[in-house]
Amino acid sequence: MDNYIVRIYRRDPRHPERLVGVVENVERESQQRFHTVHELLAILVESNAGRLRSSKGTERKTERKTG
């Protein structure tokens, strides 16, 4: 499971999709800035996709050893 800290510094009441903030990945000790809700979602999906690729590669190696 990934752990994140999401800090939203500014929101536009007229345009709720406009946010300004930072996502911190606790395990990787990294930060990424975002300016819209779509950028925030892309950061979270991208990070999760990378983790899934890594775990699938590990499962395939294990299957080959036991199979």
C-alpha atoms as a PDB file:
ATOM      1  CA  MET A   1       0.000   0.000   0.000  1.00  0.00           C
ATOM      2  CA  ASP A   2       1.266   3.467  -0.884  1.00  0.00           C
ATOM      3  CA  ASN A   3       1.025   6.318   1.586  1.00  0.00           C
ATOM      4  CA  TYR A   4       0.596   9.907   0.469  1.00  0.00           C
ATOM      5  CA  ILE A   5       0.261  13.305   2.051  1.00  0.00           C
ATOM      6  CA  VAL A   6      -1.830  15.636  -0.112  1.00  0.00           C
ATOM      7  CA  ARG A   7      -1.606  19.344   0.644  1.00  0.00           C
ATOM      8  CA  ILE A   8      -4.022  21.683  -1.072  1.00  0.00           C
ATOM      9  CA  TYR A   9      -2.899  25.292  -0.846  1.00  0.00           C
ATOM     10  CA  ARG A  10      -5.462  27.004  -3.006  1.00  0.00           C
ATOM     11  CA  ARG A  11      -8.880  26.273  -4.547  1.00  0.00           C
ATOM     12  CA  ASP A  12     -10.938  28.335  -6.957  1.00  0.00           C
ATOM     13  CA  PRO A  13     -14.581  28.411  -5.745  1.00  0.00           C
ATOM     14  CA  ARG A  14     -15.813  29.253  -9.245  1.00  0.00           C
ATOM     15  CA  HIS A  15     -13.859  26.382 -10.841  1.00  0.00           C
ATOM     16  CA  PRO A  16     -13.644  23.493  -8.348  1.00  0.00           C
ATOM     17  CA  GLU A  17     -11.387  21.473 -10.663  1.00  0.00           C
ATOM     18  CA  ARG A  18      -8.637  24.066 -10.190  1.00  0.00           C
ATOM     19  CA  LEU A  19      -6.474  23.183  -7.206  1.00  0.00           C
ATOM     20  CA  VAL A  20      -2.902  24.023  -6.324  1.00  0.00           C
ATOM     21  CA  GLY A  21      -0.973  21.717  -4.072  1.00  0.00           C
ATOM     22  CA  VAL A  22       1.640  19.046  -3.493  1.00  0.00           C
ATOM     23  CA  VAL A  23       1.493  15.255  -3.249  1.00  0.00           C
ATOM     24  CA  GLU A  24       4.162  13.663  -1.074  1.00  0.00           C
ATOM     25  CA  ASN A  25       4.893   9.964  -1.509  1.00  0.00           C
ATOM     26  CA  VAL A  26       5.934   8.854   1.964  1.00  0.00           C
ATOM     27  CA  GLU A  27       7.859   5.705   0.930  1.00  0.00           C
ATOM     28  CA  ARG A  28       9.787   7.336  -1.914  1.00  0.00           C
ATOM     29  CA  GLU A  29      10.262  10.613  -0.050  1.00  0.00           C
ATOM     30  CA  SER A  30       9.293  12.535  -3.196  1.00  0.00           C
ATOM     31  CA  GLN A  31       6.999  15.447  -3.980  1.00  0.00           C
ATOM     32  CA  GLN A  32       5.036  16.420  -7.059  1.00  0.00           C
ATOM     33  CA  ARG A  33       3.072  19.619  -7.604  1.00  0.00           C
ATOM     34  CA  PHE A  34      -0.378  19.736  -9.170  1.00  0.00           C
ATOM     35  CA  HIS A  35      -2.590  22.539 -10.473  1.00  0.00           C
ATOM     36  CA  THR A  36      -5.835  20.714 -11.258  1.00  0.00           C
ATOM     37  CA  VAL A  37      -7.772  17.779  -9.890  1.00  0.00           C
ATOM     38  CA  HIS A  38      -6.860  15.931 -13.112  1.00  0.00           C
ATOM     39  CA  GLU A  39      -3.134  16.387 -12.442  1.00  0.00           C
ATOM     40  CA  LEU A  40      -3.624  15.135  -8.884  1.00  0.00           C
ATOM     41  CA  LEU A  41      -5.390  12.024 -10.160  1.00  0.00           C
ATOM     42  CA  ALA A  42      -2.696  11.439 -12.802  1.00  0.00           C
ATOM     43  CA  ILE A  43       0.037  11.566 -10.144  1.00  0.00           C
ATOM     44  CA  LEU A  44      -1.759   8.995  -7.990  1.00  0.00           C
ATOM     45  CA  VAL A  45      -2.585   6.692 -10.927  1.00  0.00           C
ATOM     46  CA  GLU A  46       0.957   6.911 -12.327  1.00  0.00           C
ATOM     47  CA  SER A  47       2.475   6.005  -8.986  1.00  0.00           C
ATOM     48  CA  ASN A  48       0.070   3.091  -8.522  1.00  0.00           C
ATOM     49  CA  ALA A  49       0.687   1.806 -12.081  1.00  0.00           C
ATOM     50  CA  GLY A  50       4.440   1.730 -11.456  1.00  0.00           C
ATOM     51  CA  ARG A  51       3.918  -0.256  -8.276  1.00  0.00           C
ATOM     52  CA  LEU A  52       1.648  -2.736 -10.070  1.00  0.00           C
ATOM     53  CA  ARG A  53       4.205  -3.251 -12.868  1.00  0.00           C
ATOM     54  CA  SER A  54       6.892  -3.988 -10.281  1.00  0.00           C
ATOM     55  CA  SER A  55       4.778  -6.506  -8.380  1.00  0.00           C
ATOM     56  CA  LYS A  56       3.637  -8.279 -11.578  1.00  0.00           C
ATOM     57  CA  GLY A  57       7.252  -8.722 -12.643  1.00  0.00           C
ATOM     58  CA  THR A  58       8.038 -10.295  -9.286  1.00  0.00           C
ATOM     59  CA  GLU A  59       5.048 -12.664  -9.536  1.00  0.00           C
ATOM     60  CA  ARG A  60       6.112 -13.862 -12.983  1.00  0.00           C
ATOM     61  CA  LYS A  61       9.618 -14.649 -11.766  1.00  0.00           C
ATOM     62  CA  THR A  62       8.174 -16.607  -8.846  1.00  0.00           C
ATOM     63  CA  GLU A  63       5.823 -18.532 -11.133  1.00  0.00           C
ATOM     64  CA  ARG A  64       8.685 -19.537 -13.411  1.00  0.00           C
ATOM     65  CA  LYS A  65      10.750 -20.831 -10.505  1.00  0.00           C
ATOM     66  CA  THR A  66       7.953 -22.962  -9.105  1.00  0.00           C
ATOM     67  CA  GLY A  67       6.347 -23.934 -12.462  1.00  0.00           C
END
